[in-house]
Structures are given as C-alpha cells and as structure tokens.
Amino acid sequence: MGRKPIYSPEDKMQIVLSVLRGETTQSDIARRLQMSQTAVAKWQKQFLAGGIEASASSVLRALRRLDLVLPKRHLKERRMLAAARKAAFMDPPTRPDQVLADGLHAVRDEPR
C-alpha cells in the first residue's frame, strides 16, 4: 500500500467549503479521496473552530475563486467616484437650494 496523500491547509479548506456549501457530503468526498469520513469531519470541525491554519493569501485565493471577494479595481473605482463626487460639491451653491432645485428640474421635465 502506498503512502497516503497529505493535503495542504488550502486543500482541506476547499474540501470543507464544498461540504458546507452543500455541493457534496462528507462521506462522498471521503470516498472520492479514498480517506475516512472521520478525517473530513475532523477538518470541518477544525475549520469551524478556526483551527485549520492557512496563510492569508491561500484564504484570499480561495475566496476569489468562489467570487466572494471584489476585484482589486473595485476599490480604485470607488475612490475615483468619491473624488468626483467631492469635486462636484466643492463649490458652494450660488443660490438657495441650488443642488435640490437643479435635481428637481430634471425630474419635473421628464414626461410621465
């Protein structure tokens, strides 16, 4: 009999996440990986208790694969929008309720 495969913390985390998402069961994944269901249950228990140690980069990669992390450009885009919004309101209004009135004119002029 050959040596049992050793799973990295990232691999264990992916396995546990697939069980938690309901994509597979502990027994199914254990059968496919030719290991005991007890080991998978232990990994899940460790994961839920915060005991599976994985590097921050491993966790981030896994979350990106699951589309649970926004892309890097998202933060840059938000900063650019905030700067544009700040610039738009930099100058004080020249008459009372200018911002509100200008916005209302656009809404009033639209056909219903």
C-alpha atoms as a PDB file:
ATOM      1  CA  MET A   1       0.000   0.000   0.000  1.00  0.00           C
ATOM      2  CA  GLY A   2       1.344   3.439  -0.972  1.00  0.00           C
ATOM      3  CA  ARG A   3       1.758   6.453   1.206  1.00  0.00           C
ATOM      4  CA  LYS A   4      -1.420   8.422   1.947  1.00  0.00           C
ATOM      5  CA  PRO A   5      -1.605  11.822   0.284  1.00  0.00           C
ATOM      6  CA  ILE A   6      -1.002  14.782   2.529  1.00  0.00           C
ATOM      7  CA  TYR A   7      -3.429  17.628   1.952  1.00  0.00           C
ATOM      8  CA  SER A   8      -2.360  21.226   2.335  1.00  0.00           C
ATOM      9  CA  PRO A   9      -4.413  23.538   4.540  1.00  0.00           C
ATOM     10  CA  GLU A  10      -5.762  25.196   1.378  1.00  0.00           C
ATOM     11  CA  ASP A  11      -6.868  21.797   0.011  1.00  0.00           C
ATOM     12  CA  LYS A  12      -8.543  20.955   3.310  1.00  0.00           C
ATOM     13  CA  MET A  13     -10.291  24.308   3.321  1.00  0.00           C
ATOM     14  CA  GLN A  14     -11.612  23.768  -0.232  1.00  0.00           C
ATOM     15  CA  ILE A  15     -12.908  20.330   0.735  1.00  0.00           C
ATOM     16  CA  VAL A  16     -14.625  21.668   3.849  1.00  0.00           C
ATOM     17  CA  LEU A  17     -16.120  24.616   1.952  1.00  0.00           C
ATOM     18  CA  SER A  18     -17.587  22.284  -0.666  1.00  0.00           C
ATOM     19  CA  VAL A  19     -19.228  20.275   2.138  1.00  0.00           C
ATOM     20  CA  LEU A  20     -20.518  23.416   3.871  1.00  0.00           C
ATOM     21  CA  ARG A  21     -21.939  24.800   0.600  1.00  0.00           C
ATOM     22  CA  GLY A  22     -23.843  21.538   0.143  1.00  0.00           C
ATOM     23  CA  GLU A  23     -22.049  20.609  -3.080  1.00  0.00           C
ATOM     24  CA  THR A  24     -21.097  17.238  -1.620  1.00  0.00           C
ATOM     25  CA  THR A  25     -21.341  15.278   1.612  1.00  0.00           C
ATOM     26  CA  GLN A  26     -18.568  14.248   3.958  1.00  0.00           C
ATOM     27  CA  SER A  27     -18.969  10.601   3.015  1.00  0.00           C
ATOM     28  CA  ASP A  28     -18.990  11.310  -0.751  1.00  0.00           C
ATOM     29  CA  ILE A  29     -15.833  13.412  -0.660  1.00  0.00           C
ATOM     30  CA  ALA A  30     -14.131  10.906   1.632  1.00  0.00           C
ATOM     31  CA  ARG A  31     -14.958   8.089  -0.797  1.00  0.00           C
ATOM     32  CA  ARG A  32     -13.655  10.089  -3.780  1.00  0.00           C
ATOM     33  CA  LEU A  33     -10.422  10.966  -1.971  1.00  0.00           C
ATOM     34  CA  GLN A  34     -10.077   7.428  -0.577  1.00  0.00           C
ATOM     35  CA  MET A  35      -9.926   8.557   3.012  1.00  0.00           C
ATOM     36  CA  SER A  36     -12.087   8.203   6.092  1.00  0.00           C
ATOM     37  CA  GLN A  37     -15.194  10.263   6.627  1.00  0.00           C
ATOM     38  CA  THR A  38     -13.920  10.875  10.158  1.00  0.00           C
ATOM     39  CA  ALA A  39     -10.943  12.813   8.789  1.00  0.00           C
ATOM     40  CA  VAL A  40     -13.231  15.072   6.751  1.00  0.00           C
ATOM     41  CA  ALA A  41     -15.469  15.598   9.789  1.00  0.00           C
ATOM     42  CA  LYS A  42     -12.375  16.488  11.836  1.00  0.00           C
ATOM     43  CA  TRP A  43     -11.258  19.039   9.208  1.00  0.00           C
ATOM     44  CA  GLN A  44     -14.736  20.565   9.203  1.00  0.00           C
ATOM     45  CA  LYS A  45     -14.775  20.791  12.985  1.00  0.00           C
ATOM     46  CA  GLN A  46     -11.311  22.406  12.965  1.00  0.00           C
ATOM     47  CA  PHE A  47     -12.356  24.826  10.230  1.00  0.00           C
ATOM     48  CA  LEU A  48     -15.496  25.919  12.061  1.00  0.00           C
ATOM     49  CA  ALA A  49     -13.479  26.372  15.252  1.00  0.00           C
ATOM     50  CA  GLY A  50     -10.891  28.409  13.337  1.00  0.00           C
ATOM     51  CA  GLY A  51      -8.205  25.782  13.767  1.00  0.00           C
ATOM     52  CA  ILE A  52      -7.257  24.989  10.171  1.00  0.00           C
ATOM     53  CA  GLU A  53      -4.296  27.185   9.587  1.00  0.00           C
ATOM     54  CA  ALA A  54      -3.858  28.602   6.146  1.00  0.00           C
ATOM     55  CA  SER A  55      -1.971  31.629   5.015  1.00  0.00           C
ATOM     56  CA  ALA A  56      -3.932  34.777   4.332  1.00  0.00           C
ATOM     57  CA  SER A  57      -3.020  34.532   0.662  1.00  0.00           C
ATOM     58  CA  SER A  58      -4.413  30.978   0.490  1.00  0.00           C
ATOM     59  CA  VAL A  59      -7.689  32.080   2.023  1.00  0.00           C
ATOM     60  CA  LEU A  60      -7.877  35.081  -0.311  1.00  0.00           C
ATOM     61  CA  ARG A  61      -7.248  32.889  -3.378  1.00  0.00           C
ATOM     62  CA  ALA A  62      -9.983  30.506  -2.292  1.00  0.00           C
ATOM     63  CA  LEU A  63     -12.451  33.331  -1.682  1.00  0.00           C
ATOM     64  CA  ARG A  64     -11.669  34.864  -5.085  1.00  0.00           C
ATOM     65  CA  ARG A  65     -12.309  31.523  -6.788  1.00  0.00           C
ATOM     66  CA  LEU A  66     -15.733  31.498  -5.127  1.00  0.00           C
ATOM     67  CA  ASP A  67     -16.374  35.108  -6.221  1.00  0.00           C
ATOM     68  CA  LEU A  68     -16.700  36.195  -2.599  1.00  0.00           C
ATOM     69  CA  VAL A  69     -14.088  38.950  -2.896  1.00  0.00           C
ATOM     70  CA  LEU A  70     -14.490  42.022  -5.035  1.00  0.00           C
ATOM     71  CA  PRO A  71     -11.838  42.589  -7.711  1.00  0.00           C
ATOM     72  CA  LYS A  72      -8.912  44.888  -6.929  1.00  0.00           C
ATOM     73  CA  ARG A  73     -10.155  47.514  -9.384  1.00  0.00           C
ATOM     74  CA  HIS A  74     -13.397  47.877  -7.407  1.00  0.00           C
ATOM     75  CA  LEU A  75     -11.721  49.881  -4.632  1.00  0.00           C
ATOM     76  CA  LYS A  76      -9.934  52.097  -7.170  1.00  0.00           C
ATOM     77  CA  GLU A  77     -13.228  52.788  -8.966  1.00  0.00           C
ATOM     78  CA  ARG A  78     -14.943  53.681  -5.678  1.00  0.00           C
ATOM     79  CA  ARG A  79     -12.146  56.098  -4.804  1.00  0.00           C
ATOM     80  CA  MET A  80     -12.407  57.763  -8.217  1.00  0.00           C
ATOM     81  CA  LEU A  81     -16.188  58.143  -7.839  1.00  0.00           C
ATOM     82  CA  ALA A  82     -15.760  59.598  -4.353  1.00  0.00           C
ATOM     83  CA  ALA A  83     -13.211  62.117  -5.659  1.00  0.00           C
ATOM     84  CA  ALA A  84     -15.560  63.142  -8.485  1.00  0.00           C
ATOM     85  CA  ARG A  85     -18.450  63.498  -6.045  1.00  0.00           C
ATOM     86  CA  LYS A  86     -16.296  65.610  -3.720  1.00  0.00           C
ATOM     87  CA  ALA A  87     -15.183  67.833  -6.628  1.00  0.00           C
ATOM     88  CA  ALA A  88     -18.794  68.314  -7.749  1.00  0.00           C
ATOM     89  CA  PHE A  89     -19.764  69.647  -4.336  1.00  0.00           C
ATOM     90  CA  MET A  90     -16.555  71.609  -3.731  1.00  0.00           C
ATOM     91  CA  ASP A  91     -18.039  74.969  -4.762  1.00  0.00           C
ATOM     92  CA  PRO A  92     -20.838  76.292  -2.576  1.00  0.00           C
ATOM     93  CA  PRO A  93     -24.226  76.809  -4.240  1.00  0.00           C
ATOM     94  CA  THR A  94     -24.744  80.324  -5.666  1.00  0.00           C
ATOM     95  CA  ARG A  95     -28.420  80.440  -4.711  1.00  0.00           C
ATOM     96  CA  PRO A  96     -30.549  78.756  -2.027  1.00  0.00           C
ATOM     97  CA  ASP A  97     -31.397  75.106  -2.676  1.00  0.00           C
ATOM     98  CA  GLN A  98     -29.430  75.099  -5.930  1.00  0.00           C
ATOM     99  CA  VAL A  99     -28.498  71.424  -5.746  1.00  0.00           C
ATOM    100  CA  LEU A 100     -32.012  70.316  -4.845  1.00  0.00           C
ATOM    101  CA  ALA A 101     -33.696  72.628  -7.357  1.00  0.00           C
ATOM    102  CA  ASP A 102     -31.409  71.549 -10.212  1.00  0.00           C
ATOM    103  CA  GLY A 103     -32.172  67.925  -9.459  1.00  0.00           C
ATOM    104  CA  LEU A 104     -35.909  68.552  -9.299  1.00  0.00           C
ATOM    105  CA  HIS A 105     -35.981  70.384 -12.633  1.00  0.00           C
ATOM    106  CA  ALA A 106     -34.568  67.309 -14.322  1.00  0.00           C
ATOM    107  CA  VAL A 107     -37.223  65.112 -12.739  1.00  0.00           C
ATOM    108  CA  ARG A 108     -40.074  67.554 -13.490  1.00  0.00           C
ATOM    109  CA  ASP A 109     -39.077  67.924 -17.155  1.00  0.00           C
ATOM    110  CA  GLU A 110     -39.286  64.163 -17.805  1.00  0.00           C
ATOM    111  CA  PRO A 111     -42.558  63.049 -19.442  1.00  0.00           C
ATOM    112  CA  ARG A 112     -44.704  60.741 -17.379  1.00  0.00           C
END
